[in-house]
Amino acid sequence: MQRKIQVTEIAELLSQPDGYDSIIDVRSPSEFHEDHIPGAINLPVLNDQERVEVGTIYKQVDPFTARKRGAVLTSQNIAQHILTLSDHGKDWKPLIYCWRGGQRSGSLALVMHEIGWGVTLLQGGYKTYRRHVQQELDRLLPRLRLIVVAGPTGCGKTDLLHQLRGQGRQVLDLENLANHRGSLLGREPGICQPSQKWFESSLYRELCQMDLEQPIYVESESSKIGELHLPTALFKNLITSSAIALSCERSQRAQYLVQRYRHLTQSIEDTTKLVERLAFRHGKQQITEWITFIHDHNWLALANSLLEHHYDPAYERSQNRLQIRVQYELMSPGRLPDESVLEHMEG
């Protein structure tokens, strides 16, 4: 009797991610780019244009004609994929998934099965993975023992987190996951933010690697980082957890920012556009002054003024929602507090 194609559940896959030689996502490139199971490769059985074509035929002509066209395109794409996979031996074990574990993954799995590869299908496809991530985040995020690192812009909080991680302490770097430094001027040069779904997948993956019974250091954030929203449960935890409020002289913070955000000095036009976006909160005279600093390449004056009139007042307002347990004055940005302070926070 011919053996059946194996099927697995998402919980089993995530508990044994090394149980397969490859994880193959057969959805279109745009679907894959938005989010996918970590470690998966994309071998689409229909690309984005082909999906639109088949969907249009389905709606405007009839389902039967659409399925015929889809079969032609799918067969052509699968043939190309098999060529790229032909170096794999008979012991190769791939796992395949699509959106709901239906026709797209089943088509490629059937061909691989007939070849003799030990292929497995993911029950429910990507949809069940996405639901699992959401449910696990809702369950785990309220449990996190967070230690919130707060402080006005320019204190070097990200540098502090890196040092804490280097000491072996657990750190959740949300800005790194979001590809953004948190403020309006915090967009990373040449890097786009991930989708909301991929941000949440990355967050879940980070948590899976942590001991959730131990403290986790995290930087204080608003409910958004750039264009990405923090999960509600995470933001609630942030504003109810114990916080250490750092401070540092404004002049030192301004010098730090000029070094840290050097990329903003490379494009006057882009930096001007970013500053102009602050017009919703500041008057025309203030915006004009900042733009003058930019055009004069007076970056230290710009940093000082932005701190004084924009960032520091915003931080003062945000402090009202934090549960500050310790206040600590830094000698210079990015310098770790005394070990006794950290031990006090962790106790």
Protein backbone atom coordinates (compact mmCIF):
# COMPACT_ATOMS: atom_id res chain seq x y z
CA MET A 1 0.00 0.00 0.00
CA GLN A 2 1.34 3.42 -0.95
CA ARG A 3 2.19 5.52 2.09
CA LYS A 4 0.24 8.73 2.66
CA ILE A 5 1.65 12.23 2.78
CA GLN A 6 2.39 13.04 6.42
CA VAL A 7 0.59 15.93 8.14
CA THR A 8 1.76 17.76 11.27
CA GLU A 9 0.32 20.39 13.62
CA ILE A 10 1.90 23.81 14.22
CA ALA A 11 2.69 23.09 17.89
CA GLU A 12 4.66 19.98 16.92
CA LEU A 13 6.58 21.87 14.22
CA LEU A 14 7.55 24.72 16.55
CA SER A 15 8.58 22.35 19.33
CA GLN A 16 10.87 20.46 16.93
CA PRO A 17 11.96 23.00 14.27
CA ASP A 18 15.03 20.91 13.38
CA GLY A 19 12.88 17.90 12.56
CA TYR A 20 12.80 18.88 8.87
CA ASP A 21 15.60 19.53 6.42
CA SER A 22 13.71 22.43 4.82
CA ILE A 23 10.55 24.41 5.52
CA ILE A 24 8.98 25.53 2.25
CA ASP A 25 6.44 28.34 1.97
CA VAL A 26 4.65 28.01 -1.39
CA ARG A 27 2.65 31.25 -1.08
CA SER A 28 3.32 34.22 -3.35
CA PRO A 29 6.37 36.44 -2.73
CA SER A 30 4.26 39.27 -1.27
CA GLU A 31 2.57 36.91 1.18
CA PHE A 32 5.96 35.50 2.18
CA HIS A 33 7.47 38.98 2.59
CA GLU A 34 4.68 40.07 4.92
CA ASP A 35 5.29 37.18 7.29
CA HIS A 36 6.37 33.55 7.30
CA ILE A 37 7.49 30.79 9.61
CA PRO A 38 11.08 31.60 10.68
CA GLY A 39 13.62 29.66 8.64
CA ALA A 40 11.26 29.01 5.72
CA ILE A 41 12.26 29.47 2.10
CA ASN A 42 9.87 30.74 -0.57
CA LEU A 43 9.05 28.50 -3.54
CA PRO A 44 5.77 29.98 -4.80
CA VAL A 45 3.51 27.76 -6.88
CA LEU A 46 1.81 30.96 -8.07
CA ASN A 47 3.55 34.34 -8.05
CA ASP A 48 1.68 37.56 -7.27
CA GLN A 49 0.78 38.32 -10.87
CA GLU A 50 -0.40 34.76 -11.49
CA ARG A 51 -2.58 34.80 -8.37
CA VAL A 52 -4.29 37.95 -9.61
CA GLU A 53 -4.79 36.41 -13.05
CA VAL A 54 -6.37 33.23 -11.72
CA GLY A 55 -8.51 35.15 -9.23
CA THR A 56 -9.79 37.45 -11.97
CA ILE A 57 -10.74 34.48 -14.18
CA TYR A 58 -12.49 32.88 -11.19
CA LYS A 59 -14.66 35.98 -10.64
CA GLN A 60 -15.21 37.14 -14.22
CA VAL A 61 -15.43 33.82 -16.11
CA ASP A 62 -16.02 30.74 -13.94
CA PRO A 63 -14.22 28.55 -11.35
CA PHE A 64 -13.60 25.68 -13.79
CA THR A 65 -11.71 27.88 -16.27
CA ALA A 66 -9.77 29.43 -13.41
CA ARG A 67 -8.72 26.01 -12.09
CA LYS A 68 -7.50 24.97 -15.54
CA ARG A 69 -5.40 28.10 -15.87
CA GLY A 70 -4.15 27.69 -12.33
CA ALA A 71 -3.16 24.09 -13.04
CA VAL A 72 -1.07 25.16 -16.04
CA LEU A 73 0.75 27.88 -14.11
CA THR A 74 1.22 25.71 -11.03
CA SER A 75 2.64 22.84 -13.06
CA GLN A 76 5.13 25.11 -14.79
CA ASN A 77 6.31 26.61 -11.49
CA ILE A 78 6.54 23.26 -9.73
CA ALA A 79 8.66 21.91 -12.57
CA GLN A 80 11.11 24.78 -12.09
CA HIS A 81 11.21 24.23 -8.35
CA ILE A 82 11.93 20.53 -8.75
CA LEU A 83 14.90 21.42 -10.95
CA THR A 84 16.30 23.65 -8.21
CA LEU A 85 15.78 20.89 -5.64
CA SER A 86 17.13 18.04 -7.74
CA ASP A 87 20.41 17.80 -5.81
CA HIS A 88 18.60 16.56 -2.70
CA GLY A 89 18.87 12.84 -2.02
CA LYS A 90 16.04 10.46 -1.23
CA ASP A 91 16.43 11.02 2.52
CA TRP A 92 15.61 14.73 2.26
CA LYS A 93 12.62 15.63 4.47
CA PRO A 94 10.85 18.91 3.65
CA LEU A 95 7.81 20.47 5.30
CA ILE A 96 5.47 22.45 3.05
CA TYR A 97 2.77 24.97 3.84
CA CYS A 98 0.57 27.54 2.09
CA TRP A 99 -2.14 29.88 3.37
CA ARG A 100 -4.57 27.27 4.75
CA GLY A 101 -2.87 23.99 3.94
CA GLY A 102 -4.89 23.55 0.76
CA GLN A 103 -4.32 23.26 -2.96
CA ARG A 104 -1.07 25.18 -3.34
CA SER A 105 0.90 23.21 -0.77
CA GLY A 106 -0.90 19.99 -1.71
CA SER A 107 0.14 20.34 -5.35
CA LEU A 108 3.86 20.58 -4.61
CA ALA A 109 3.64 17.95 -1.86
CA LEU A 110 2.01 15.45 -4.23
CA VAL A 111 4.81 15.77 -6.79
CA MET A 112 7.50 15.49 -4.12
CA HIS A 113 5.73 12.50 -2.59
CA GLU A 114 5.62 10.73 -5.97
CA ILE A 115 9.34 11.37 -6.42
CA GLY A 116 9.95 9.62 -3.10
CA TRP A 117 10.86 12.46 -0.76
CA GLY A 118 9.49 12.23 2.79
CA VAL A 119 7.33 15.33 2.53
CA THR A 120 5.10 16.62 5.35
CA LEU A 121 2.24 19.12 5.13
CA LEU A 122 1.42 21.67 7.83
CA GLN A 123 -2.18 21.25 8.93
CA GLY A 124 -3.99 24.56 8.48
CA GLY A 125 -1.02 26.22 6.78
CA TYR A 126 0.27 29.70 7.60
CA LYS A 127 -3.12 30.70 9.00
CA THR A 128 -2.75 28.31 11.91
CA TYR A 129 0.81 29.56 12.54
CA ARG A 130 -0.39 33.17 12.67
CA ARG A 131 -3.17 32.24 15.09
CA HIS A 132 -0.66 30.37 17.27
CA VAL A 133 1.65 33.43 17.44
CA GLN A 134 -1.21 35.71 18.45
CA GLN A 135 -2.47 33.33 21.12
CA GLU A 136 1.00 32.76 22.56
CA LEU A 137 1.77 36.49 22.68
CA ASP A 138 -1.49 37.10 24.51
CA ARG A 139 -0.54 34.36 26.98
CA LEU A 140 3.14 35.20 27.47
CA LEU A 141 3.33 39.00 27.38
CA PRO A 142 1.44 39.66 30.63
CA ARG A 143 3.77 37.19 32.42
CA LEU A 144 7.05 38.91 31.53
CA ARG A 145 9.13 40.21 34.46
CA LEU A 146 10.11 43.44 32.78
CA ILE A 147 12.59 46.00 34.05
CA VAL A 148 11.90 49.15 32.06
CA VAL A 149 14.84 51.39 31.19
CA ALA A 150 13.53 54.94 30.85
CA GLY A 151 15.22 58.26 30.29
CA PRO A 152 15.18 61.30 28.00
CA THR A 153 16.39 61.02 24.43
CA GLY A 154 20.17 60.84 24.16
CA CYS A 155 20.84 58.87 27.36
CA GLY A 156 22.12 55.98 25.27
CA LYS A 157 19.46 53.51 26.39
CA THR A 158 20.05 51.23 23.39
CA ASP A 159 23.78 51.11 24.14
CA LEU A 160 22.95 50.26 27.74
CA LEU A 161 20.76 47.36 26.63
CA HIS A 162 23.61 46.00 24.50
CA GLN A 163 25.96 46.14 27.49
CA LEU A 164 23.41 44.42 29.71
CA ARG A 165 23.09 41.65 27.16
CA GLY A 166 26.87 41.35 27.04
CA GLN A 167 26.80 40.74 30.79
CA GLY A 168 24.47 37.80 30.27
CA ARG A 169 21.29 39.60 31.31
CA GLN A 170 18.11 39.08 29.31
CA VAL A 171 17.24 41.96 26.98
CA LEU A 172 14.24 42.53 24.74
CA ASP A 173 15.37 45.05 22.09
CA LEU A 174 12.09 46.19 20.57
CA GLU A 175 13.65 48.90 18.43
CA ASN A 176 15.97 46.37 16.83
CA LEU A 177 13.00 44.09 16.04
CA ALA A 178 11.16 47.10 14.58
CA ASN A 179 14.16 48.44 12.58
CA HIS A 180 13.51 51.87 14.07
CA ARG A 181 14.94 53.98 16.91
CA GLY A 182 11.55 54.97 18.22
CA SER A 183 11.29 58.71 17.56
CA LEU A 184 10.19 60.64 14.50
CA LEU A 185 13.84 60.96 13.50
CA GLY A 186 14.55 57.35 14.37
CA ARG A 187 14.16 55.69 10.99
CA GLU A 188 17.17 53.49 10.25
CA PRO A 189 18.92 54.62 7.03
CA GLY A 190 18.38 52.33 4.05
CA ILE A 191 16.23 49.92 6.07
CA CYS A 192 12.47 49.50 5.86
CA GLN A 193 10.42 48.52 8.86
CA PRO A 194 9.03 44.98 8.77
CA SER A 195 5.33 44.29 8.51
CA GLN A 196 3.27 44.22 11.69
CA LYS A 197 2.93 40.45 11.38
CA TRP A 198 6.67 39.86 10.95
CA PHE A 199 7.39 42.15 13.92
CA GLU A 200 5.08 40.01 16.05
CA SER A 201 6.62 36.79 14.73
CA SER A 202 10.09 38.11 15.60
CA LEU A 203 8.89 39.12 19.06
CA TYR A 204 7.46 35.65 19.67
CA ARG A 205 10.69 34.04 18.48
CA GLU A 206 12.69 36.20 20.92
CA LEU A 207 10.46 35.22 23.83
CA CYS A 208 10.79 31.53 23.00
CA GLN A 209 14.54 31.84 23.58
CA MET A 210 14.19 33.46 27.01
CA ASP A 211 13.67 32.22 30.54
CA LEU A 212 10.40 33.96 31.31
CA GLU A 213 10.85 33.39 35.04
CA GLN A 214 13.87 35.73 35.04
CA PRO A 215 13.95 39.54 34.64
CA ILE A 216 13.99 41.01 31.13
CA TYR A 217 15.35 44.50 30.47
CA VAL A 218 13.44 46.55 27.91
CA GLU A 219 13.52 50.18 26.85
CA SER A 220 10.50 52.32 27.62
CA GLU A 221 8.47 52.81 24.45
CA SER A 222 5.25 54.45 23.38
CA SER A 223 2.50 52.27 21.95
CA LYS A 224 4.12 52.63 18.49
CA ILE A 225 7.67 52.28 17.20
CA GLY A 226 7.71 54.05 13.87
CA GLU A 227 4.69 52.62 12.05
CA LEU A 228 4.48 49.44 14.13
CA HIS A 229 2.14 48.92 17.07
CA LEU A 230 3.22 47.15 20.23
CA PRO A 231 0.85 44.33 21.17
CA THR A 232 -1.62 45.69 23.70
CA ALA A 233 -0.57 43.18 26.35
CA LEU A 234 3.08 44.22 26.00
CA PHE A 235 2.34 47.93 26.31
CA LYS A 236 0.22 47.33 29.41
CA ASN A 237 3.10 45.37 30.93
CA LEU A 238 5.57 48.15 30.07
CA ILE A 239 3.61 50.84 31.86
CA THR A 240 2.91 48.72 34.95
CA SER A 241 6.40 47.23 35.44
CA SER A 242 9.15 48.70 37.63
CA ALA A 243 11.24 51.30 35.80
CA ILE A 244 14.67 52.81 36.30
CA ALA A 245 14.63 56.45 35.19
CA LEU A 246 18.00 57.61 33.88
CA SER A 247 19.07 61.20 33.45
CA CYS A 248 22.05 62.95 31.91
CA GLU A 249 23.04 66.55 31.19
CA ARG A 250 21.42 67.87 28.03
CA SER A 251 24.72 69.10 26.55
CA GLN A 252 26.19 65.60 26.76
CA ARG A 253 23.07 64.07 25.28
CA ALA A 254 23.17 66.52 22.37
CA GLN A 255 26.77 65.57 21.57
CA TYR A 256 25.82 61.89 21.78
CA LEU A 257 22.93 62.39 19.34
CA VAL A 258 25.13 64.15 16.79
CA GLN A 259 27.39 61.09 16.78
CA ARG A 260 24.62 58.50 16.99
CA TYR A 261 22.45 60.02 14.25
CA ARG A 262 25.28 61.01 11.93
CA HIS A 263 23.31 59.69 8.94
CA LEU A 264 20.89 62.61 9.36
CA THR A 265 23.74 65.02 8.56
CA GLN A 266 24.33 63.35 5.21
CA SER A 267 21.06 64.41 3.56
CA ILE A 268 19.84 67.92 4.30
CA GLU A 269 16.72 67.44 2.18
CA ASP A 270 15.59 64.28 4.00
CA THR A 271 16.32 65.71 7.45
CA THR A 272 14.45 68.90 6.59
CA LYS A 273 11.37 66.86 5.60
CA LEU A 274 11.51 64.96 8.88
CA VAL A 275 11.71 68.16 10.91
CA GLU A 276 8.83 69.68 8.93
CA ARG A 277 6.68 66.78 10.10
CA LEU A 278 6.93 68.21 13.62
CA ALA A 279 4.75 71.15 12.55
CA PHE A 280 1.70 69.45 14.10
CA ARG A 281 3.17 70.24 17.54
CA HIS A 282 5.43 73.27 17.05
CA GLY A 283 4.91 76.71 15.60
CA LYS A 284 6.24 78.02 12.30
CA GLN A 285 8.97 80.05 13.99
CA GLN A 286 10.38 77.00 15.77
CA ILE A 287 10.34 74.87 12.61
CA THR A 288 12.08 77.67 10.71
CA GLU A 289 14.81 77.87 13.36
CA TRP A 290 15.45 74.11 13.15
CA ILE A 291 15.59 74.22 9.35
CA THR A 292 18.09 77.08 9.56
CA PHE A 293 20.31 74.96 11.82
CA ILE A 294 20.12 72.16 9.24
CA HIS A 295 21.06 74.37 6.30
CA ASP A 296 23.91 75.90 8.32
CA HIS A 297 25.14 72.40 9.30
CA ASN A 298 24.87 73.50 12.91
CA TRP A 299 24.07 69.98 14.11
CA LEU A 300 24.93 70.49 17.77
CA ALA A 301 22.60 73.50 18.02
CA LEU A 302 19.88 71.50 16.28
CA ALA A 303 20.29 68.59 18.69
CA ASN A 304 20.22 70.88 21.74
CA SER A 305 17.14 72.69 20.51
CA LEU A 306 15.27 69.50 19.60
CA LEU A 307 15.99 68.10 23.03
CA GLU A 308 14.93 71.27 24.83
CA HIS A 309 11.74 72.00 22.92
CA HIS A 310 10.56 68.60 21.64
CA TYR A 311 12.07 65.46 23.14
CA ASP A 312 12.55 66.44 26.79
CA PRO A 313 8.99 67.81 27.22
CA ALA A 314 7.63 64.65 25.57
CA TYR A 315 9.62 62.52 28.00
CA GLU A 316 8.37 64.52 30.98
CA ARG A 317 4.81 63.83 29.88
CA SER A 318 5.50 60.12 29.41
CA GLN A 319 6.94 59.74 32.91
CA ASN A 320 3.45 60.03 34.38
CA ARG A 321 2.55 56.59 33.06
CA LEU A 322 5.72 54.83 34.30
CA GLN A 323 6.17 53.00 37.59
CA ILE A 324 9.54 54.56 38.47
CA ARG A 325 11.36 52.66 41.18
CA VAL A 326 14.85 54.17 40.90
CA GLN A 327 16.20 57.52 39.63
CA TYR A 328 19.83 57.43 38.44
CA GLU A 329 22.08 60.18 37.08
CA LEU A 330 24.46 59.00 34.33
CA MET A 331 27.94 60.50 34.16
CA SER A 332 27.77 60.16 30.37
CA PRO A 333 25.33 58.66 27.83
CA GLY A 334 25.42 54.90 27.44
CA ARG A 335 27.25 54.25 30.70
CA LEU A 336 25.83 51.46 32.85
CA PRO A 337 24.44 52.27 36.30
CA ASP A 338 26.20 50.77 39.30
CA GLU A 339 25.78 47.02 39.74
CA SER A 340 24.04 47.61 43.06
CA VAL A 341 21.32 49.58 41.26
CA LEU A 342 20.74 46.76 38.78
CA GLU A 343 20.63 44.17 41.56
CA HIS A 344 18.11 46.32 43.40
CA MET A 345 15.89 46.42 40.29
CA GLU A 346 16.17 42.67 39.82
CA GLY A 347 15.46 41.84 43.47
